[in-house]
PDB file of N, CA and C in Angstrom:
ATOM      1  N   MET A   1      66.751  93.813 128.103  1.00  0.00           N
ATOM      2  CA  MET A   1      67.490  95.348 127.496  1.00  0.00           C
ATOM      3  C   MET A   1      66.266  95.575 126.323  1.00  0.00           C
ATOM      4  N   SER A   2      65.869  96.942 126.479  1.00  0.00           N
ATOM      5  CA  SER A   2      64.691  97.076 125.381  1.00  0.00           C
ATOM      6  C   SER A   2      65.229  97.574 124.332  1.00  0.00           C
ATOM      7  N   LEU A   3      65.108  97.544 123.142  1.00  0.00           N
ATOM      8  CA  LEU A   3      65.532  97.912 121.878  1.00  0.00           C
ATOM      9  C   LEU A   3      64.864  99.102 121.477  1.00  0.00           C
ATOM     10  N   PRO A   4      65.681  99.889 120.839  1.00  0.00           N
ATOM     11  CA  PRO A   4      65.518 101.257 120.251  1.00  0.00           C
ATOM     12  C   PRO A   4      63.862 101.282 119.522  1.00  0.00           C
ATOM     13  N   GLN A   5      63.314 102.345 119.378  1.00  0.00           N
ATOM     14  CA  GLN A   5      62.013 102.193 118.773  1.00  0.00           C
ATOM     15  C   GLN A   5      62.200 102.483 117.236  1.00  0.00           C
ATOM     16  N   ILE A   6      61.382 101.924 116.435  1.00  0.00           N
ATOM     17  CA  ILE A   6      62.061 101.979 114.793  1.00  0.00           C
ATOM     18  C   ILE A   6      61.395 103.394 114.228  1.00  0.00           C
ATOM     19  N   ALA A   7      61.786 103.755 113.635  1.00  0.00           N
ATOM     20  CA  ALA A   7      61.751 105.324 113.064  1.00  0.00           C
ATOM     21  C   ALA A   7      61.893 105.220 111.339  1.00  0.00           C
ATOM     22  N   THR A   8      61.115 106.326 111.044  1.00  0.00           N
ATOM     23  CA  THR A   8      61.587 106.470 109.546  1.00  0.00           C
ATOM     24  C   THR A   8      63.089 107.246 109.382  1.00  0.00           C
ATOM     25  N   ARG A   9      63.794 107.286 108.385  1.00  0.00           N
ATOM     26  CA  ARG A   9      64.727 107.754 107.888  1.00  0.00           C
ATOM     27  C   ARG A   9      64.912 108.957 108.198  1.00  0.00           C
ATOM     28  N   ASP A  10      63.763 109.985 108.038  1.00  0.00           N
ATOM     29  CA  ASP A  10      63.947 111.319 108.204  1.00  0.00           C
ATOM     30  C   ASP A  10      63.813 111.549 110.044  1.00  0.00           C
ATOM     31  N   GLU A  11      63.102 110.658 110.652  1.00  0.00           N
ATOM     32  CA  GLU A  11      63.102 110.838 112.169  1.00  0.00           C
ATOM     33  C   GLU A  11      64.746 110.722 112.614  1.00  0.00           C
ATOM     34  N   TRP A  12      65.137 109.310 112.383  1.00  0.00           N
ATOM     35  CA  TRP A  12      66.420 108.898 112.761  1.00  0.00           C
ATOM     36  C   TRP A  12      67.888 109.937 112.202  1.00  0.00           C
ATOM     37  N   LEU A  13      67.406 110.623 111.009  1.00  0.00           N
ATOM     38  CA  LEU A  13      68.597 111.816 110.689  1.00  0.00           C
ATOM     39  C   LEU A  13      68.422 112.723 111.449  1.00  0.00           C
ATOM     40  N   ALA A  14      67.016 113.566 111.866  1.00  0.00           N
ATOM     41  CA  ALA A  14      66.906 114.691 113.090  1.00  0.00           C
ATOM     42  C   ALA A  14      67.345 114.064 114.463  1.00  0.00           C
ATOM     43  N   ALA A  15      67.190 112.989 114.659  1.00  0.00           N
ATOM     44  CA  ALA A  15      67.504 112.532 116.079  1.00  0.00           C
ATOM     45  C   ALA A  15      69.368 112.458 116.039  1.00  0.00           C
ATOM     46  N   ARG A  16      69.832 111.819 114.747  1.00  0.00           N
ATOM     47  CA  ARG A  16      71.106 111.734 114.650  1.00  0.00           C
ATOM     48  C   ARG A  16      71.970 113.156 115.021  1.00  0.00           C
ATOM     49  N   ARG A  17      71.559 113.904 114.147  1.00  0.00           N
ATOM     50  CA  ARG A  17      71.705 115.550 114.252  1.00  0.00           C
ATOM     51  C   ARG A  17      71.745 115.824 115.488  1.00  0.00           C
ATOM     52  N   ALA A  18      70.921 115.953 116.273  1.00  0.00           N
ATOM     53  CA  ALA A  18      70.896 116.592 117.361  1.00  0.00           C
ATOM     54  C   ALA A  18      71.728 115.976 118.540  1.00  0.00           C
ATOM     55  N   LEU A  19      71.825 114.621 118.508  1.00  0.00           N
ATOM     56  CA  LEU A  19      72.986 113.875 119.184  1.00  0.00           C
ATOM     57  C   LEU A  19      74.412 114.692 118.872  1.00  0.00           C
ATOM     58  N   LEU A  20      74.421 114.329 117.329  1.00  0.00           N
ATOM     59  CA  LEU A  20      75.758 114.957 117.013  1.00  0.00           C
ATOM     60  C   LEU A  20      75.843 116.427 117.671  1.00  0.00           C
ATOM     61  N   VAL A  21      75.327 117.312 118.037  1.00  0.00           N
ATOM     62  CA  VAL A  21      75.267 118.333 118.622  1.00  0.00           C
ATOM     63  C   VAL A  21      75.801 118.442 120.068  1.00  0.00           C
ATOM     64  N   LYS A  22      75.518 117.403 120.560  1.00  0.00           N
ATOM     65  CA  LYS A  22      75.383 116.968 121.976  1.00  0.00           C
ATOM     66  C   LYS A  22      76.969 116.337 121.935  1.00  0.00           C
ATOM     67  N   GLU A  23      77.346 115.441 120.971  1.00  0.00           N
ATOM     68  CA  GLU A  23      78.369 114.835 121.088  1.00  0.00           C
ATOM     69  C   GLU A  23      79.746 116.045 120.865  1.00  0.00           C
ATOM     70  N   LYS A  24      79.532 116.961 120.165  1.00  0.00           N
ATOM     71  CA  LYS A  24      80.347 118.249 119.648  1.00  0.00           C
ATOM     72  C   LYS A  24      80.477 118.712 121.163  1.00  0.00           C
ATOM     73  N   ASP A  25      79.759 119.023 121.770  1.00  0.00           N
ATOM     74  CA  ASP A  25      79.640 120.103 122.892  1.00  0.00           C
ATOM     75  C   ASP A  25      80.327 119.250 123.797  1.00  0.00           C
ATOM     76  N   LEU A  26      79.952 118.222 124.143  1.00  0.00           N
ATOM     77  CA  LEU A  26      80.952 117.240 125.144  1.00  0.00           C
ATOM     78  C   LEU A  26      82.621 117.120 125.068  1.00  0.00           C
ATOM     79  N   THR A  27      82.703 117.100 123.238  1.00  0.00           N
ATOM     80  CA  THR A  27      84.285 116.936 123.106  1.00  0.00           C
ATOM     81  C   THR A  27      84.931 118.505 123.653  1.00  0.00           C
ATOM     82  N   ARG A  28      83.939 119.518 122.974  1.00  0.00           N
ATOM     83  CA  ARG A  28      84.767 120.739 123.428  1.00  0.00           C
ATOM     84  C   ARG A  28      84.906 121.216 125.115  1.00  0.00           C
ATOM     85  N   ARG A  29      83.755 120.575 125.662  1.00  0.00           N
ATOM     86  CA  ARG A  29      84.054 120.878 127.150  1.00  0.00           C
ATOM     87  C   ARG A  29      85.347 119.701 127.723  1.00  0.00           C
ATOM     88  N   ARG A  30      85.339 118.676 127.154  1.00  0.00           N
ATOM     89  CA  ARG A  30      86.173 117.827 127.683  1.00  0.00           C
ATOM     90  C   ARG A  30      87.496 118.370 127.368  1.00  0.00           C
ATOM     91  N   ASP A  31      87.836 119.086 125.934  1.00  0.00           N
ATOM     92  CA  ASP A  31      89.175 119.382 125.625  1.00  0.00           C
ATOM     93  C   ASP A  31      89.506 121.006 126.617  1.00  0.00           C
ATOM     94  N   ALA A  32      88.332 121.700 126.925  1.00  0.00           N
ATOM     95  CA  ALA A  32      88.761 122.871 127.778  1.00  0.00           C
ATOM     96  C   ALA A  32      88.812 122.208 129.211  1.00  0.00           C
ATOM     97  N   LEU A  33      88.432 121.131 129.742  1.00  0.00           N
ATOM     98  CA  LEU A  33      88.932 120.582 131.022  1.00  0.00           C
ATOM     99  C   LEU A  33      89.888 120.132 130.772  1.00  0.00           C
ATOM    100  N   ASN A  34      90.742 119.606 129.838  1.00  0.00           N
ATOM    101  CA  ASN A  34      91.946 118.984 129.315  1.00  0.00           C
ATOM    102  C   ASN A  34      93.040 120.200 129.652  1.00  0.00           C
ATOM    103  N   ALA A  35      92.939 121.235 128.778  1.00  0.00           N
ATOM    104  CA  ALA A  35      93.615 122.330 128.824  1.00  0.00           C
ATOM    105  C   ALA A  35      93.615 122.793 130.354  1.00  0.00           C
ATOM    106  N   GLU A  36      92.446 122.672 131.224  1.00  0.00           N
ATOM    107  CA  GLU A  36      92.799 123.381 132.536  1.00  0.00           C
ATOM    108  C   GLU A  36      93.258 122.622 133.214  1.00  0.00           C
ATOM    109  N   ARG A  37      93.539 121.358 132.915  1.00  0.00           N
ATOM    110  CA  ARG A  37      94.339 120.454 134.057  1.00  0.00           C
ATOM    111  C   ARG A  37      95.766 120.699 133.532  1.00  0.00           C
ATOM    112  N   ARG A  38      96.029 120.938 132.167  1.00  0.00           N
ATOM    113  CA  ARG A  38      97.414 120.991 132.154  1.00  0.00           C
ATOM    114  C   ARG A  38      98.083 122.331 132.347  1.00  0.00           C
ATOM    115  N   MET A  39      97.236 123.289 132.976  1.00  0.00           N
ATOM    116  CA  MET A  39      97.549 124.676 133.225  1.00  0.00           C
ATOM    117  C   MET A  39      97.812 124.358 134.911  1.00  0.00           C
ATOM    118  N   LEU A  40      97.291 123.509 135.523  1.00  0.00           N
ATOM    119  CA  LEU A  40      97.533 123.021 136.927  1.00  0.00           C
ATOM    120  C   LEU A  40      99.076 123.318 137.549  1.00  0.00           C
ATOM    121  N   PRO A  41      99.524 124.255 138.831  1.00  0.00           N
ATOM    122  CA  PRO A  41     100.566 124.797 138.998  1.00  0.00           C
ATOM    123  C   PRO A  41     101.093 123.355 139.343  1.00  0.00           C
ATOM    124  N   MET A  42     102.575 123.317 138.947  1.00  0.00           N
ATOM    125  CA  MET A  42     103.406 122.125 139.217  1.00  0.00           C
ATOM    126  C   MET A  42     103.755 122.141 140.794  1.00  0.00           C
ATOM    127  N   VAL A  43     104.350 121.274 141.263  1.00  0.00           N
ATOM    128  CA  VAL A  43     105.145 120.739 142.181  1.00  0.00           C
ATOM    129  C   VAL A  43     106.244 120.511 142.119  1.00  0.00           C
ATOM    130  N   GLU A  44     107.106 121.061 142.852  1.00  0.00           N
ATOM    131  CA  GLU A  44     108.534 120.332 142.974  1.00  0.00           C
ATOM    132  C   GLU A  44     108.707 118.979 143.662  1.00  0.00           C
ATOM    133  N   ILE A  45     109.544 118.115 142.838  1.00  0.00           N
ATOM    134  CA  ILE A  45     109.551 116.960 143.759  1.00  0.00           C
ATOM    135  C   ILE A  45     111.068 117.080 144.247  1.00  0.00           C
ATOM    136  N   ASP A  46     111.098 117.089 145.704  1.00  0.00           N
ATOM    137  CA  ASP A  46     112.343 116.743 146.529  1.00  0.00           C
ATOM    138  C   ASP A  46     112.807 115.708 146.964  1.00  0.00           C
ATOM    139  N   LYS A  47     111.665 114.691 146.970  1.00  0.00           N
ATOM    140  CA  LYS A  47     112.224 113.368 147.368  1.00  0.00           C
ATOM    141  C   LYS A  47     113.386 112.733 146.190  1.00  0.00           C
ATOM    142  N   ASP A  48     114.017 112.083 146.811  1.00  0.00           N
ATOM    143  CA  ASP A  48     115.142 111.104 146.000  1.00  0.00           C
ATOM    144  C   ASP A  48     114.290 109.971 145.537  1.00  0.00           C
ATOM    145  N   TYR A  49     113.567 109.575 144.520  1.00  0.00           N
ATOM    146  CA  TYR A  49     112.993 108.634 144.031  1.00  0.00           C
ATOM    147  C   TYR A  49     114.237 107.633 143.756  1.00  0.00           C
ATOM    148  N   VAL A  50     114.360 106.092 143.763  1.00  0.00           N
ATOM    149  CA  VAL A  50     115.163 105.344 142.840  1.00  0.00           C
ATOM    150  C   VAL A  50     114.509 104.349 142.605  1.00  0.00           C
ATOM    151  N   PHE A  51     114.481 103.795 141.052  1.00  0.00           N
ATOM    152  CA  PHE A  51     114.345 103.005 140.341  1.00  0.00           C
ATOM    153  C   PHE A  51     114.593 101.739 139.761  1.00  0.00           C
ATOM    154  N   GLU A  52     114.407 100.874 140.237  1.00  0.00           N
ATOM    155  CA  GLU A  52     115.209  99.410 139.610  1.00  0.00           C
ATOM    156  C   GLU A  52     114.975  98.967 138.244  1.00  0.00           C
ATOM    157  N   GLY A  53     115.633  99.136 137.381  1.00  0.00           N
ATOM    158  CA  GLY A  53     115.312  98.453 135.807  1.00  0.00           C
ATOM    159  C   GLY A  53     116.035  97.624 135.384  1.00  0.00           C
ATOM    160  N   PRO A  54     116.092  97.285 133.939  1.00  0.00           N
ATOM    161  CA  PRO A  54     117.126  96.333 133.468  1.00  0.00           C
ATOM    162  C   PRO A  54     118.586  96.734 133.680  1.00  0.00           C
ATOM    163  N   ALA A  55     118.748  98.160 133.407  1.00  0.00           N
ATOM    164  CA  ALA A  55     120.057  98.643 133.596  1.00  0.00           C
ATOM    165  C   ALA A  55     120.587  98.803 134.963  1.00  0.00           C
ATOM    166  N   GLY A  56     119.603  98.842 135.837  1.00  0.00           N
ATOM    167  CA  GLY A  56     120.166  98.972 137.439  1.00  0.00           C
ATOM    168  C   GLY A  56     119.382 100.003 137.639  1.00  0.00           C
ATOM    169  N   ARG A  57     120.003 100.684 138.716  1.00  0.00           N
ATOM    170  CA  ARG A  57     118.940 101.814 139.680  1.00  0.00           C
ATOM    171  C   ARG A  57     119.228 102.982 138.803  1.00  0.00           C
ATOM    172  N   ALA A  58     118.230 103.633 139.145  1.00  0.00           N
ATOM    173  CA  ALA A  58     118.223 105.024 138.245  1.00  0.00           C
ATOM    174  C   ALA A  58     117.315 105.826 138.999  1.00  0.00           C
ATOM    175  N   SER A  59     117.676 107.164 139.254  1.00  0.00           N
ATOM    176  CA  SER A  59     116.787 108.552 139.792  1.00  0.00           C
ATOM    177  C   SER A  59     115.941 108.818 138.793  1.00  0.00           C
ATOM    178  N   LEU A  60     114.702 109.661 139.403  1.00  0.00           N
ATOM    179  CA  LEU A  60     113.713 110.219 138.430  1.00  0.00           C
ATOM    180  C   LEU A  60     114.480 110.950 137.533  1.00  0.00           C
ATOM    181  N   LEU A  61     115.473 112.016 137.613  1.00  0.00           N
ATOM    182  CA  LEU A  61     116.210 112.645 136.843  1.00  0.00           C
ATOM    183  C   LEU A  61     116.913 111.899 135.797  1.00  0.00           C
ATOM    184  N   ASP A  62     117.465 110.448 136.109  1.00  0.00           N
ATOM    185  CA  ASP A  62     117.868 110.090 135.285  1.00  0.00           C
ATOM    186  C   ASP A  62     117.115 109.182 134.082  1.00  0.00           C
ATOM    187  N   LEU A  63     115.979 108.800 134.522  1.00  0.00           N
ATOM    188  CA  LEU A  63     114.957 108.449 133.537  1.00  0.00           C
ATOM    189  C   LEU A  63     114.565 109.308 132.586  1.00  0.00           C
ATOM    190  N   PHE A  64     114.372 110.628 132.821  1.00  0.00           N
ATOM    191  CA  PHE A  64     113.801 111.467 132.159  1.00  0.00           C
ATOM    192  C   PHE A  64     115.374 112.093 131.558  1.00  0.00           C
ATOM    193  N   GLU A  65     116.808 111.568 131.431  1.00  0.00           N
ATOM    194  CA  GLU A  65     117.748 111.762 130.787  1.00  0.00           C
ATOM    195  C   GLU A  65     118.314 113.368 131.143  1.00  0.00           C
ATOM    196  N   GLY A  66     118.246 113.677 132.345  1.00  0.00           N
ATOM    197  CA  GLY A  66     118.691 115.158 132.786  1.00  0.00           C
ATOM    198  C   GLY A  66     117.859 116.478 132.542  1.00  0.00           C
ATOM    199  N   ARG A  67     116.589 116.202 131.800  1.00  0.00           N
ATOM    200  CA  ARG A  67     115.644 117.068 131.512  1.00  0.00           C
ATOM    201  C   ARG A  67     114.850 117.081 132.830  1.00  0.00           C
ATOM    202  N   ARG A  68     114.517 118.526 132.990  1.00  0.00           N
ATOM    203  CA  ARG A  68     113.706 119.104 134.502  1.00  0.00           C
ATOM    204  C   ARG A  68     112.497 118.349 134.359  1.00  0.00           C
ATOM    205  N   THR A  69     111.892 118.309 133.051  1.00  0.00           N
ATOM    206  CA  THR A  69     110.286 117.832 132.776  1.00  0.00           C
ATOM    207  C   THR A  69     109.995 116.940 131.774  1.00  0.00           C
ATOM    208  N   PRO A  70     109.304 116.241 131.535  1.00  0.00           N
ATOM    209  CA  PRO A  70     109.105 114.706 130.675  1.00  0.00           C
ATOM    210  C   PRO A  70     109.215 115.635 129.525  1.00  0.00           C
ATOM    211  N   ALA A  71     109.429 115.025 128.068  1.00  0.00           N
ATOM    212  CA  ALA A  71     109.363 115.426 126.927  1.00  0.00           C
ATOM    213  C   ALA A  71     108.075 115.031 126.525  1.00  0.00           C
ATOM    214  N   GLY A  72     107.313 116.044 126.023  1.00  0.00           N
ATOM    215  CA  GLY A  72     105.901 115.918 125.618  1.00  0.00           C
ATOM    216  C   GLY A  72     105.805 115.903 123.950  1.00  0.00           C
ATOM    217  N   PRO A  73     104.833 116.033 123.321  1.00  0.00           N
ATOM    218  CA  PRO A  73     104.644 115.890 122.052  1.00  0.00           C
ATOM    219  C   PRO A  73     105.407 116.662 121.236  1.00  0.00           C
ATOM    220  N   SER A  74     105.324 117.994 121.866  1.00  0.00           N
ATOM    221  CA  SER A  74     106.291 119.066 120.788  1.00  0.00           C
ATOM    222  C   SER A  74     107.686 119.232 121.068  1.00  0.00           C
ATOM    223  N   ARG A  75     108.049 118.273 122.069  1.00  0.00           N
ATOM    224  CA  ARG A  75     109.491 118.011 122.590  1.00  0.00           C
ATOM    225  C   ARG A  75     109.915 116.605 122.572  1.00  0.00           C
ATOM    226  N   PRO A  76     109.887 116.088 121.514  1.00  0.00           N
ATOM    227  CA  PRO A  76     110.445 114.363 121.830  1.00  0.00           C
ATOM    228  C   PRO A  76     111.749 114.454 122.389  1.00  0.00           C
ATOM    229  N   ALA A  77     111.862 113.022 123.158  1.00  0.00           N
ATOM    230  CA  ALA A  77     113.167 112.523 123.648  1.00  0.00           C
ATOM    231  C   ALA A  77     114.115 112.374 122.929  1.00  0.00           C
ATOM    232  N   ALA A  78     115.471 112.899 123.094  1.00  0.00           N
ATOM    233  CA  ALA A  78     116.778 112.532 122.319  1.00  0.00           C
ATOM    234  C   ALA A  78     116.484 111.058 122.032  1.00  0.00           C
ATOM    235  N   ARG A  79     116.935 110.894 120.757  1.00  0.00           N
ATOM    236  CA  ARG A  79     116.724 109.490 120.483  1.00  0.00           C
ATOM    237  C   ARG A  79     118.603 108.925 120.620  1.00  0.00           C
ATOM    238  N   THR A  80     118.623 107.871 120.713  1.00  0.00           N
ATOM    239  CA  THR A  80     120.175 107.268 120.657  1.00  0.00           C
ATOM    240  C   THR A  80     120.004 106.142 119.889  1.00  0.00           C
ATOM    241  N   THR A  81     121.086 106.332 118.776  1.00  0.00           N
ATOM    242  CA  THR A  81     121.206 105.400 117.853  1.00  0.00           C
ATOM    243  C   THR A  81     122.278 104.067 118.016  1.00  0.00           C
ATOM    244  N   SER A  82     121.918 103.170 117.984  1.00  0.00           N
ATOM    245  CA  SER A  82     122.800 101.824 118.173  1.00  0.00           C
ATOM    246  C   SER A  82     123.766 101.683 116.919  1.00  0.00           C
ATOM    247  N   SER A  83     124.635 100.856 116.932  1.00  0.00           N
ATOM    248  CA  SER A  83     125.565 100.970 115.812  1.00  0.00           C
ATOM    249  C   SER A  83     124.889  99.844 114.712  1.00  0.00           C
ATOM    250  N   THR A  84     123.935  99.084 115.131  1.00  0.00           N
ATOM    251  CA  THR A  84     123.096  98.444 114.248  1.00  0.00           C
ATOM    252  C   THR A  84     122.010  98.922 113.036  1.00  0.00           C
ATOM    253  N   SER A  85     121.723 100.410 113.933  1.00  0.00           N
ATOM    254  CA  SER A  85     120.813 100.996 113.261  1.00  0.00           C
ATOM    255  C   SER A  85     120.924 101.464 111.824  1.00  0.00           C
ATOM    256  N   ARG A  86     119.831 101.502 110.952  1.00  0.00           N
ATOM    257  CA  ARG A  86     120.418 101.899 109.574  1.00  0.00           C
ATOM    258  C   ARG A  86     120.015 103.195 109.321  1.00  0.00           C
ATOM    259  N   PRO A  87     120.596 104.337 108.530  1.00  0.00           N
ATOM    260  CA  PRO A  87     120.178 105.473 108.567  1.00  0.00           C
ATOM    261  C   PRO A  87     119.087 105.507 107.641  1.00  0.00           C
ATOM    262  N   SER A  88     118.021 106.238 107.823  1.00  0.00           N
ATOM    263  CA  SER A  88     116.908 106.560 107.439  1.00  0.00           C
ATOM    264  C   SER A  88     117.187 107.147 105.788  1.00  0.00           C
ATOM    265  N   ALA A  89     116.130 106.885 104.671  1.00  0.00           N
ATOM    266  CA  ALA A  89     116.204 107.362 103.582  1.00  0.00           C
ATOM    267  C   ALA A  89     116.654 108.866 103.290  1.00  0.00           C
ATOM    268  N   ALA A  90     115.840 109.522 104.316  1.00  0.00           N
ATOM    269  CA  ALA A  90     116.293 111.062 104.377  1.00  0.00           C
ATOM    270  C   ALA A  90     117.529 111.654 104.476  1.00  0.00           C
ATOM    271  N   ARG A  91     118.112 110.909 105.383  1.00  0.00           N
ATOM    272  CA  ARG A  91     119.455 110.945 105.621  1.00  0.00           C
ATOM    273  C   ARG A  91     120.855 110.424 104.658  1.00  0.00           C
ATOM    274  N   LYS A  92     120.238 109.381 103.947  1.00  0.00           N
ATOM    275  CA  LYS A  92     121.054 108.740 103.217  1.00  0.00           C
ATOM    276  C   LYS A  92     121.303 109.489 101.767  1.00  0.00           C
ATOM    277  N   THR A  93     120.227 109.859 101.455  1.00  0.00           N
ATOM    278  CA  THR A  93     120.038 110.413  99.893  1.00  0.00           C
ATOM    279  C   THR A  93     119.712 112.174 100.030  1.00  0.00           C
ATOM    280  N   GLY A  94     118.935 112.764 101.233  1.00  0.00           N
ATOM    281  CA  GLY A  94     118.730 113.675 101.374  1.00  0.00           C
ATOM    282  C   GLY A  94     117.731 113.764 100.856  1.00  0.00           C
ATOM    283  N   ARG A  95     116.775 112.815 100.399  1.00  0.00           N
ATOM    284  CA  ARG A  95     115.521 113.204  99.790  1.00  0.00           C
ATOM    285  C   ARG A  95     114.196 112.774 101.090  1.00  0.00           C
ATOM    286  N   SER A  96     113.420 112.932 100.705  1.00  0.00           N
ATOM    287  CA  SER A  96     112.222 112.843 101.601  1.00  0.00           C
ATOM    288  C   SER A  96     112.089 111.034 101.633  1.00  0.00           C
ATOM    289  N   PRO A  97     111.911 110.589 102.625  1.00  0.00           N
ATOM    290  CA  PRO A  97     111.687 109.081 102.898  1.00  0.00           C
ATOM    291  C   PRO A  97     110.530 108.498 101.737  1.00  0.00           C
ATOM    292  N   ARG A  98     109.206 109.400 101.386  1.00  0.00           N
ATOM    293  CA  ARG A  98     108.532 109.018 100.552  1.00  0.00           C
ATOM    294  C   ARG A  98     108.658 109.215  99.446  1.00  0.00           C
ATOM    295  N   ALA A  99     109.983 109.847  99.113  1.00  0.00           N
ATOM    296  CA  ALA A  99     110.241 110.623  97.589  1.00  0.00           C
ATOM    297  C   ALA A  99     110.265 109.079  96.646  1.00  0.00           C
ATOM    298  N   GLY A 100     109.298 109.643  95.565  1.00  0.00           N
ATOM    299  CA  GLY A 100     109.459 108.175  94.515  1.00  0.00           C
ATOM    300  C   GLY A 100     108.595 107.285  94.732  1.00  0.00           C
ATOM    301  N   ARG A 101     107.791 107.614  95.811  1.00  0.00           N
ATOM    302  CA  ARG A 101     106.971 106.298  96.061  1.00  0.00           C
ATOM    303  C   ARG A 101     105.194 106.933  95.506  1.00  0.00           C
ATOM    304  N   GLN A 102     104.217 106.001  95.514  1.00  0.00           N
ATOM    305  CA  GLN A 102     102.971 106.689  94.855  1.00  0.00           C
ATOM    306  C   GLN A 102     102.674 107.263  96.137  1.00  0.00           C
ATOM    307  N   PRO A 103     101.983 108.608  95.846  1.00  0.00           N
ATOM    308  CA  PRO A 103     101.096 109.281  97.061  1.00  0.00           C
ATOM    309  C   PRO A 103     100.387 108.556  98.050  1.00  0.00           C
ATOM    310  N   ARG A 104     100.234 108.688  98.996  1.00  0.00           N
ATOM    311  CA  ARG A 104      99.167 108.042 100.115  1.00  0.00           C
ATOM    312  C   ARG A 104      97.810 108.721  99.392  1.00  0.00           C
ATOM    313  N   THR A 105      96.749 107.814  99.329  1.00  0.00           N
ATOM    314  CA  THR A 105      95.585 108.419  99.265  1.00  0.00           C
ATOM    315  C   THR A 105      94.796 107.982 100.473  1.00  0.00           C
ATOM    316  N   ARG A 106      93.510 108.942 100.616  1.00  0.00           N
ATOM    317  CA  ARG A 106      92.657 108.853 101.896  1.00  0.00           C
ATOM    318  C   ARG A 106      91.473 108.795 101.558  1.00  0.00           C
ATOM    319  N   ARG A 107      90.114 107.769 102.334  1.00  0.00           N
ATOM    320  CA  ARG A 107      89.209 107.946 101.761  1.00  0.00           C
ATOM    321  C   ARG A 107      88.278 109.000 102.078  1.00  0.00           C
ATOM    322  N   ALA A 108      87.515 109.209 101.546  1.00  0.00           N
ATOM    323  CA  ALA A 108      86.577 110.466 101.793  1.00  0.00           C
ATOM    324  C   ALA A 108      85.860 110.492 103.009  1.00  0.00           C
ATOM    325  N   ARG A 109      85.872 111.384 103.941  1.00  0.00           N
ATOM    326  CA  ARG A 109      85.172 111.271 105.233  1.00  0.00           C
ATOM    327  C   ARG A 109      83.585 111.806 104.780  1.00  0.00           C
ATOM    328  N   THR A 110      82.912 110.827 105.268  1.00  0.00           N
ATOM    329  CA  THR A 110      81.499 111.164 105.248  1.00  0.00           C
ATOM    330  C   THR A 110      80.753 110.849 106.429  1.00  0.00           C
ATOM    331  N   SER A 111      79.937 111.970 107.031  1.00  0.00           N
ATOM    332  CA  SER A 111      79.139 111.405 108.075  1.00  0.00           C
ATOM    333  C   SER A 111      77.816 110.026 107.908  1.00  0.00           C
ATOM    334  N   ARG A 112      77.748 109.654 108.805  1.00  0.00           N
ATOM    335  CA  ARG A 112      76.584 108.522 108.748  1.00  0.00           C
ATOM    336  C   ARG A 112      75.105 109.365 108.310  1.00  0.00           C
ATOM    337  N   ALA A 113      75.123 110.634 108.856  1.00  0.00           N
ATOM    338  CA  ALA A 113      74.014 111.334 108.272  1.00  0.00           C
ATOM    339  C   ALA A 113      73.550 111.464 106.909  1.00  0.00           C
ATOM    340  N   ASP A 114      74.989 111.562 106.196  1.00  0.00           N
ATOM    341  CA  ASP A 114      74.771 111.758 104.849  1.00  0.00           C
ATOM    342  C   ASP A 114      75.061 110.387 104.050  1.00  0.00           C
ATOM    343  N   ALA A 115      75.245 109.505 104.675  1.00  0.00           N
ATOM    344  CA  ALA A 115      75.149 108.287 104.116  1.00  0.00           C
ATOM    345  C   ALA A 115      73.778 107.876 103.033  1.00  0.00           C
ATOM    346  N   PRO A 116      73.833 106.932 102.026  1.00  0.00           N
ATOM    347  CA  PRO A 116      72.756 106.622 101.306  1.00  0.00           C
ATOM    348  C   PRO A 116      71.774 106.080 102.360  1.00  0.00           C
ATOM    349  N   ALA A 117      70.260 105.973 101.918  1.00  0.00           N
ATOM    350  CA  ALA A 117      69.569 105.266 102.767  1.00  0.00           C
ATOM    351  C   ALA A 117      69.863 103.989 102.678  1.00  0.00           C
ATOM    352  N   GLY A 118      70.238 103.326 101.733  1.00  0.00           N
ATOM    353  CA  GLY A 118      70.177 101.832 101.635  1.00  0.00           C
ATOM    354  C   GLY A 118      71.240 101.215 102.378  1.00  0.00           C
ATOM    355  N   ARG A 119      72.153 102.072 103.170  1.00  0.00           N
ATOM    356  CA  ARG A 119      73.187 101.380 103.860  1.00  0.00           C
ATOM    357  C   ARG A 119      72.897 101.166 105.298  1.00  0.00           C
TER     358      ARG A 119
END
């Protein structure tokens, strides 16, 4: 395997910025392809699938708790609470679970192109 060539910081920065343009283009094209995939037509499943699990036999509809489609990120699945589960702080006190705590901090996001030369 050959090693990359040695360059000045300015040459590296120019090459890195050019590569970043390509990376962003790839990300946009991948996002567009994923959106196109999500818009594909659906096929109705008319076969009766039966699955074996710890709770016994279950149909495909049973696995999705009676919903015709699986719950996605915008529609979370219904949660079941057991008798041993503890109520969250928000339900118990009516306040946000983070109320009274220190605010979360975030590190500043910097690109490597903006990093000091000594790093």
